[in-house]
Amino acid sequence: MQESSLIALAVPPTLAVVRAIPADRLDAPTPCGDWTVQDLVDHQLQWGPALVAAARKELLTPDPVSKGAPVDLERHFAALTAAWSEPAAWTGVTRLGGPMELPAAMIGGMVLGEVVVHGWDLAVATGQRPEWPAEVLECTHEEVAKTAEQGRAMHVYGPAVAVPDDAPLLDRILGLTGRDPKWRP
């Protein structure tokens, strides 16, 4: 599978979740610590432009005050898909909100993880059950496994949650990021 097709395959299930978020669930808790559904939407809107800029090899610092409604995520996901669908986005080095250069493929893998894991976060918080294509989950698992220790060191992920080796791939991804696949609000 071409890396440049991963985000385009990962976004539709997440976007379906976003479109189905009931307005009365914006204050609902999510598996992301103390964040509500609204906090998670705002997080994605704050980091969205920086994730798009990283694909274009531009430096853009996240806007800590970006807030919006789930509908605003539709534009974010469209821009994210377009930017990371370019094969050049996955080559060379890029930056993600700061001056340190990192391999673009590593950042692309992080973007993939953001789409899938935060898609699950929003889904489980609002009573939904998304399904991503097997190839998306396989690539996401590979990328999350590569960066899990770094993510924990940066406090992006919590401590790993033990998940059986034969558990569904999504559950194993979630466990690596410190999420309990059985979490419910």
C-alpha atoms as a PDB file:
ATOM      1  CA  MET A   1       0.000   0.000   0.000  1.00  0.00           C
ATOM      2  CA  GLN A   2       1.194   3.471  -0.839  1.00  0.00           C
ATOM      3  CA  GLU A   3       1.735   5.660   2.199  1.00  0.00           C
ATOM      4  CA  SER A   4       0.070   8.524   0.378  1.00  0.00           C
ATOM      5  CA  SER A   5      -3.279   6.684   0.396  1.00  0.00           C
ATOM      6  CA  LEU A   6      -3.352   5.956   4.141  1.00  0.00           C
ATOM      7  CA  ILE A   7      -4.910   9.171   5.422  1.00  0.00           C
ATOM      8  CA  ALA A   8      -7.536   9.114   2.659  1.00  0.00           C
ATOM      9  CA  LEU A   9      -8.541   5.610   3.800  1.00  0.00           C
ATOM     10  CA  ALA A  10      -8.455   6.445   7.518  1.00  0.00           C
ATOM     11  CA  VAL A  11     -10.501   9.643   7.395  1.00  0.00           C
ATOM     12  CA  PRO A  12     -13.952   8.415   6.193  1.00  0.00           C
ATOM     13  CA  PRO A  13     -14.748   6.275   9.284  1.00  0.00           C
ATOM     14  CA  THR A  14     -13.528   9.055  11.567  1.00  0.00           C
ATOM     15  CA  LEU A  15     -15.485  11.661   9.641  1.00  0.00           C
ATOM     16  CA  ALA A  16     -18.623   9.495   9.920  1.00  0.00           C
ATOM     17  CA  VAL A  17     -18.122   9.515  13.705  1.00  0.00           C
ATOM     18  CA  VAL A  18     -17.683  13.301  13.739  1.00  0.00           C
ATOM     19  CA  ARG A  19     -20.830  13.824  11.676  1.00  0.00           C
ATOM     20  CA  ALA A  20     -22.835  11.685  14.118  1.00  0.00           C
ATOM     21  CA  ILE A  21     -21.754  13.443  17.322  1.00  0.00           C
ATOM     22  CA  PRO A  22     -24.964  14.544  19.025  1.00  0.00           C
ATOM     23  CA  ALA A  23     -24.918  18.155  20.240  1.00  0.00           C
ATOM     24  CA  ASP A  24     -25.917  16.972  23.709  1.00  0.00           C
ATOM     25  CA  ARG A  25     -22.747  14.803  23.959  1.00  0.00           C
ATOM     26  CA  LEU A  26     -20.162  17.598  23.622  1.00  0.00           C
ATOM     27  CA  ASP A  27     -19.668  17.598  27.408  1.00  0.00           C
ATOM     28  CA  ALA A  28     -19.298  13.796  27.544  1.00  0.00           C
ATOM     29  CA  PRO A  29     -16.027  12.366  28.880  1.00  0.00           C
ATOM     30  CA  THR A  30     -13.560  10.711  26.509  1.00  0.00           C
ATOM     31  CA  PRO A  31     -10.754   8.203  27.075  1.00  0.00           C
ATOM     32  CA  CYS A  32      -8.316  11.169  26.807  1.00  0.00           C
ATOM     33  CA  GLY A  33      -7.800  11.931  30.479  1.00  0.00           C
ATOM     34  CA  ASP A  34     -10.012  14.793  31.585  1.00  0.00           C
ATOM     35  CA  TRP A  35     -10.979  15.833  28.062  1.00  0.00           C
ATOM     36  CA  THR A  36     -14.579  16.062  26.968  1.00  0.00           C
ATOM     37  CA  VAL A  37     -15.767  15.493  23.416  1.00  0.00           C
ATOM     38  CA  GLN A  38     -15.587  19.278  22.897  1.00  0.00           C
ATOM     39  CA  ASP A  39     -12.022  19.376  24.242  1.00  0.00           C
ATOM     40  CA  LEU A  40     -11.016  16.652  21.787  1.00  0.00           C
ATOM     41  CA  VAL A  41     -12.698  18.472  18.887  1.00  0.00           C
ATOM     42  CA  ASP A  42     -10.828  21.636  19.901  1.00  0.00           C
ATOM     43  CA  HIS A  43      -7.538  19.701  20.144  1.00  0.00           C
ATOM     44  CA  GLN A  44      -7.962  18.469  16.594  1.00  0.00           C
ATOM     45  CA  LEU A  45      -8.815  21.955  15.366  1.00  0.00           C
ATOM     46  CA  GLN A  46      -5.810  23.444  17.193  1.00  0.00           C
ATOM     47  CA  TRP A  47      -3.342  20.950  15.730  1.00  0.00           C
ATOM     48  CA  GLY A  48      -5.036  20.530  12.344  1.00  0.00           C
ATOM     49  CA  PRO A  49      -3.277  23.347  10.490  1.00  0.00           C
ATOM     50  CA  ALA A  50       0.134  22.246  11.833  1.00  0.00           C
ATOM     51  CA  LEU A  51      -0.502  18.670  10.631  1.00  0.00           C
ATOM     52  CA  VAL A  52      -1.420  19.963   7.172  1.00  0.00           C
ATOM     53  CA  ALA A  53       1.607  22.294   7.130  1.00  0.00           C
ATOM     54  CA  ALA A  54       3.893  19.390   8.043  1.00  0.00           C
ATOM     55  CA  ALA A  55       2.791  17.544   4.900  1.00  0.00           C
ATOM     56  CA  ARG A  56       3.682  20.613   2.861  1.00  0.00           C
ATOM     57  CA  LYS A  57       7.068  20.975   4.623  1.00  0.00           C
ATOM     58  CA  GLU A  58       5.951  24.268   6.158  1.00  0.00           C
ATOM     59  CA  LEU A  59       6.292  25.269   9.782  1.00  0.00           C
ATOM     60  CA  LEU A  60       3.128  26.328  11.530  1.00  0.00           C
ATOM     61  CA  THR A  61       2.673  26.465  15.294  1.00  0.00           C
ATOM     62  CA  PRO A  62      -0.627  25.123  16.644  1.00  0.00           C
ATOM     63  CA  ASP A  63      -3.144  27.760  17.675  1.00  0.00           C
ATOM     64  CA  PRO A  64      -3.915  27.108  21.352  1.00  0.00           C
ATOM     65  CA  VAL A  65      -7.191  29.018  21.182  1.00  0.00           C
ATOM     66  CA  SER A  66      -8.773  27.343  18.147  1.00  0.00           C
ATOM     67  CA  LYS A  67     -12.215  26.191  19.134  1.00  0.00           C
ATOM     68  CA  GLY A  68     -15.115  25.038  17.083  1.00  0.00           C
ATOM     69  CA  ALA A  69     -17.890  22.611  16.419  1.00  0.00           C
ATOM     70  CA  PRO A  70     -17.610  19.072  15.099  1.00  0.00           C
ATOM     71  CA  VAL A  71     -18.729  20.370  11.697  1.00  0.00           C
ATOM     72  CA  ASP A  72     -15.482  22.397  11.556  1.00  0.00           C
ATOM     73  CA  LEU A  73     -13.568  19.127  11.558  1.00  0.00           C
ATOM     74  CA  GLU A  74     -14.928  18.353   8.085  1.00  0.00           C
ATOM     75  CA  ARG A  75     -12.758  21.113   6.584  1.00  0.00           C
ATOM     76  CA  HIS A  76      -9.819  19.964   8.695  1.00  0.00           C
ATOM     77  CA  PHE A  77     -10.117  16.372   7.476  1.00  0.00           C
ATOM     78  CA  ALA A  78     -10.494  17.493   3.847  1.00  0.00           C
ATOM     79  CA  ALA A  79      -7.304  19.572   4.085  1.00  0.00           C
ATOM     80  CA  LEU A  80      -5.478  16.788   5.942  1.00  0.00           C
ATOM     81  CA  THR A  81      -6.459  14.226   3.324  1.00  0.00           C
ATOM     82  CA  ALA A  82      -5.408  16.447   0.436  1.00  0.00           C
ATOM     83  CA  ALA A  83      -2.052  17.339   1.986  1.00  0.00           C
ATOM     84  CA  TRP A  84      -1.033  13.820   3.038  1.00  0.00           C
ATOM     85  CA  SER A  85      -2.265  12.287  -0.259  1.00  0.00           C
ATOM     86  CA  GLU A  86       0.701  13.900  -1.992  1.00  0.00           C
ATOM     87  CA  PRO A  87       3.560  11.356  -2.199  1.00  0.00           C
ATOM     88  CA  ALA A  88       6.072  14.143  -1.460  1.00  0.00           C
ATOM     89  CA  ALA A  89       4.469  14.648   1.963  1.00  0.00           C
ATOM     90  CA  TRP A  90       5.950  11.317   3.060  1.00  0.00           C
ATOM     91  CA  THR A  91       9.509  11.984   1.873  1.00  0.00           C
ATOM     92  CA  GLY A  92      12.432  13.812   3.426  1.00  0.00           C
ATOM     93  CA  VAL A  93      12.044  15.666   6.686  1.00  0.00           C
ATOM     94  CA  THR A  94       9.469  18.062   8.074  1.00  0.00           C
ATOM     95  CA  ARG A  95       8.503  19.862  11.254  1.00  0.00           C
ATOM     96  CA  LEU A  96       5.489  19.508  13.466  1.00  0.00           C
ATOM     97  CA  GLY A  97       4.824  22.754  15.270  1.00  0.00           C
ATOM     98  CA  GLY A  98       8.442  23.364  16.251  1.00  0.00           C
ATOM     99  CA  PRO A  99      11.942  23.778  14.857  1.00  0.00           C
ATOM    100  CA  MET A 100      13.061  20.122  15.184  1.00  0.00           C
ATOM    101  CA  GLU A 101      13.139  18.280  11.882  1.00  0.00           C
ATOM    102  CA  LEU A 102      11.818  14.727  11.876  1.00  0.00           C
ATOM    103  CA  PRO A 103      11.372  12.146   9.131  1.00  0.00           C
ATOM    104  CA  ALA A 104       8.243  13.041   7.176  1.00  0.00           C
ATOM    105  CA  ALA A 105       7.130   9.392   7.123  1.00  0.00           C
ATOM    106  CA  MET A 106       7.278   9.344  10.929  1.00  0.00           C
ATOM    107  CA  ILE A 107       5.093  12.462  11.108  1.00  0.00           C
ATOM    108  CA  GLY A 108       2.725  10.923   8.566  1.00  0.00           C
ATOM    109  CA  GLY A 109       2.471   7.849  10.789  1.00  0.00           C
ATOM    110  CA  MET A 110       1.682  10.086  13.745  1.00  0.00           C
ATOM    111  CA  VAL A 111      -1.038  11.807  11.713  1.00  0.00           C
ATOM    112  CA  LEU A 112      -2.480   8.407  10.836  1.00  0.00           C
ATOM    113  CA  GLY A 113      -2.526   7.500  14.526  1.00  0.00           C
ATOM    114  CA  GLU A 114      -4.239  10.791  15.382  1.00  0.00           C
ATOM    115  CA  VAL A 115      -7.013  10.122  12.865  1.00  0.00           C
ATOM    116  CA  VAL A 116      -7.658   6.560  14.000  1.00  0.00           C
ATOM    117  CA  VAL A 117      -7.122   6.846  17.760  1.00  0.00           C
ATOM    118  CA  HIS A 118      -8.944  10.152  18.212  1.00  0.00           C
ATOM    119  CA  GLY A 119     -11.654   8.829  15.895  1.00  0.00           C
ATOM    120  CA  TRP A 120     -12.087   5.924  18.312  1.00  0.00           C
ATOM    121  CA  ASP A 121     -11.982   8.308  21.286  1.00  0.00           C
ATOM    122  CA  LEU A 122     -14.848  10.346  19.845  1.00  0.00           C
ATOM    123  CA  ALA A 123     -16.750   7.236  18.818  1.00  0.00           C
ATOM    124  CA  VAL A 124     -16.639   5.478  22.168  1.00  0.00           C
ATOM    125  CA  ALA A 125     -17.507   8.728  23.971  1.00  0.00           C
ATOM    126  CA  THR A 126     -20.628   9.131  21.824  1.00  0.00           C
ATOM    127  CA  GLY A 127     -21.768   5.505  21.588  1.00  0.00           C
ATOM    128  CA  GLN A 128     -20.489   4.751  18.084  1.00  0.00           C
ATOM    129  CA  ARG A 129     -18.493   1.827  16.640  1.00  0.00           C
ATOM    130  CA  PRO A 130     -16.337   2.829  13.668  1.00  0.00           C
ATOM    131  CA  GLU A 131     -14.494   0.336  11.502  1.00  0.00           C
ATOM    132  CA  TRP A 132     -11.333   1.164   9.597  1.00  0.00           C
ATOM    133  CA  PRO A 133      -9.951  -0.903   6.723  1.00  0.00           C
ATOM    134  CA  ALA A 134      -7.573  -3.678   7.825  1.00  0.00           C
ATOM    135  CA  GLU A 135      -4.642  -2.104   5.963  1.00  0.00           C
ATOM    136  CA  VAL A 136      -5.176   1.182   7.824  1.00  0.00           C
ATOM    137  CA  LEU A 137      -5.162  -0.606  11.173  1.00  0.00           C
ATOM    138  CA  GLU A 138      -2.077  -2.625  10.222  1.00  0.00           C
ATOM    139  CA  CYS A 139      -0.138   0.511   9.283  1.00  0.00           C
ATOM    140  CA  THR A 140      -1.426   2.385  12.327  1.00  0.00           C
ATOM    141  CA  HIS A 141      -0.318  -0.428  14.638  1.00  0.00           C
ATOM    142  CA  GLU A 142       3.123  -0.494  13.040  1.00  0.00           C
ATOM    143  CA  GLU A 143       3.526   3.278  13.361  1.00  0.00           C
ATOM    144  CA  VAL A 144       2.210   3.491  16.927  1.00  0.00           C
ATOM    145  CA  ALA A 145       4.456   0.598  17.989  1.00  0.00           C
ATOM    146  CA  LYS A 146       7.482   2.466  16.585  1.00  0.00           C
ATOM    147  CA  THR A 147       6.737   5.660  18.523  1.00  0.00           C
ATOM    148  CA  ALA A 148       4.932   4.395  21.646  1.00  0.00           C
ATOM    149  CA  GLU A 149       7.878   4.813  24.022  1.00  0.00           C
ATOM    150  CA  GLN A 150       8.617   8.283  22.668  1.00  0.00           C
ATOM    151  CA  GLY A 151       4.921   9.138  22.991  1.00  0.00           C
ATOM    152  CA  ARG A 152       4.915   8.049  26.625  1.00  0.00           C
ATOM    153  CA  ALA A 153       8.079  10.040  27.338  1.00  0.00           C
ATOM    154  CA  MET A 154       6.389  13.126  25.860  1.00  0.00           C
ATOM    155  CA  HIS A 155       3.185  12.430  27.838  1.00  0.00           C
ATOM    156  CA  VAL A 156       1.250  12.073  24.599  1.00  0.00           C
ATOM    157  CA  TYR A 157       0.406   8.461  25.514  1.00  0.00           C
ATOM    158  CA  GLY A 158      -0.363   7.044  28.914  1.00  0.00           C
ATOM    159  CA  PRO A 159       1.199   3.892  30.305  1.00  0.00           C
ATOM    160  CA  ALA A 160       0.576   0.909  28.037  1.00  0.00           C
ATOM    161  CA  VAL A 161      -2.584  -1.057  28.768  1.00  0.00           C
ATOM    162  CA  ALA A 162      -2.098  -4.815  28.602  1.00  0.00           C
ATOM    163  CA  VAL A 163      -4.045  -6.270  25.707  1.00  0.00           C
ATOM    164  CA  PRO A 164      -3.830  -9.928  24.646  1.00  0.00           C
ATOM    165  CA  ASP A 165      -1.662 -10.616  21.598  1.00  0.00           C
ATOM    166  CA  ASP A 166      -4.662 -12.156  19.836  1.00  0.00           C
ATOM    167  CA  ALA A 167      -6.957  -9.179  20.545  1.00  0.00           C
ATOM    168  CA  PRO A 168      -8.327  -7.241  17.582  1.00  0.00           C
ATOM    169  CA  LEU A 169      -5.739  -4.965  16.020  1.00  0.00           C
ATOM    170  CA  LEU A 170      -7.589  -1.793  17.040  1.00  0.00           C
ATOM    171  CA  ASP A 171      -7.531  -2.949  20.672  1.00  0.00           C
ATOM    172  CA  ARG A 172      -3.770  -3.507  20.458  1.00  0.00           C
ATOM    173  CA  ILE A 173      -3.300  -0.001  18.992  1.00  0.00           C
ATOM    174  CA  LEU A 174      -5.371   1.480  21.801  1.00  0.00           C
ATOM    175  CA  GLY A 175      -3.416  -0.433  24.454  1.00  0.00           C
ATOM    176  CA  LEU A 176      -0.135   0.903  23.058  1.00  0.00           C
ATOM    177  CA  THR A 177      -1.438   4.461  23.405  1.00  0.00           C
ATOM    178  CA  GLY A 178      -2.487   3.897  27.006  1.00  0.00           C
ATOM    179  CA  ARG A 179      -6.176   3.469  26.300  1.00  0.00           C
ATOM    180  CA  ASP A 180      -8.335   0.668  27.644  1.00  0.00           C
ATOM    181  CA  PRO A 181     -10.272  -0.789  24.695  1.00  0.00           C
ATOM    182  CA  LYS A 182     -13.109  -1.592  27.112  1.00  0.00           C
ATOM    183  CA  TRP A 183     -13.434   2.057  28.253  1.00  0.00           C
ATOM    184  CA  ARG A 184     -16.961   3.420  28.316  1.00  0.00           C
ATOM    185  CA  PRO A 185     -18.271   6.800  29.515  1.00  0.00           C
END
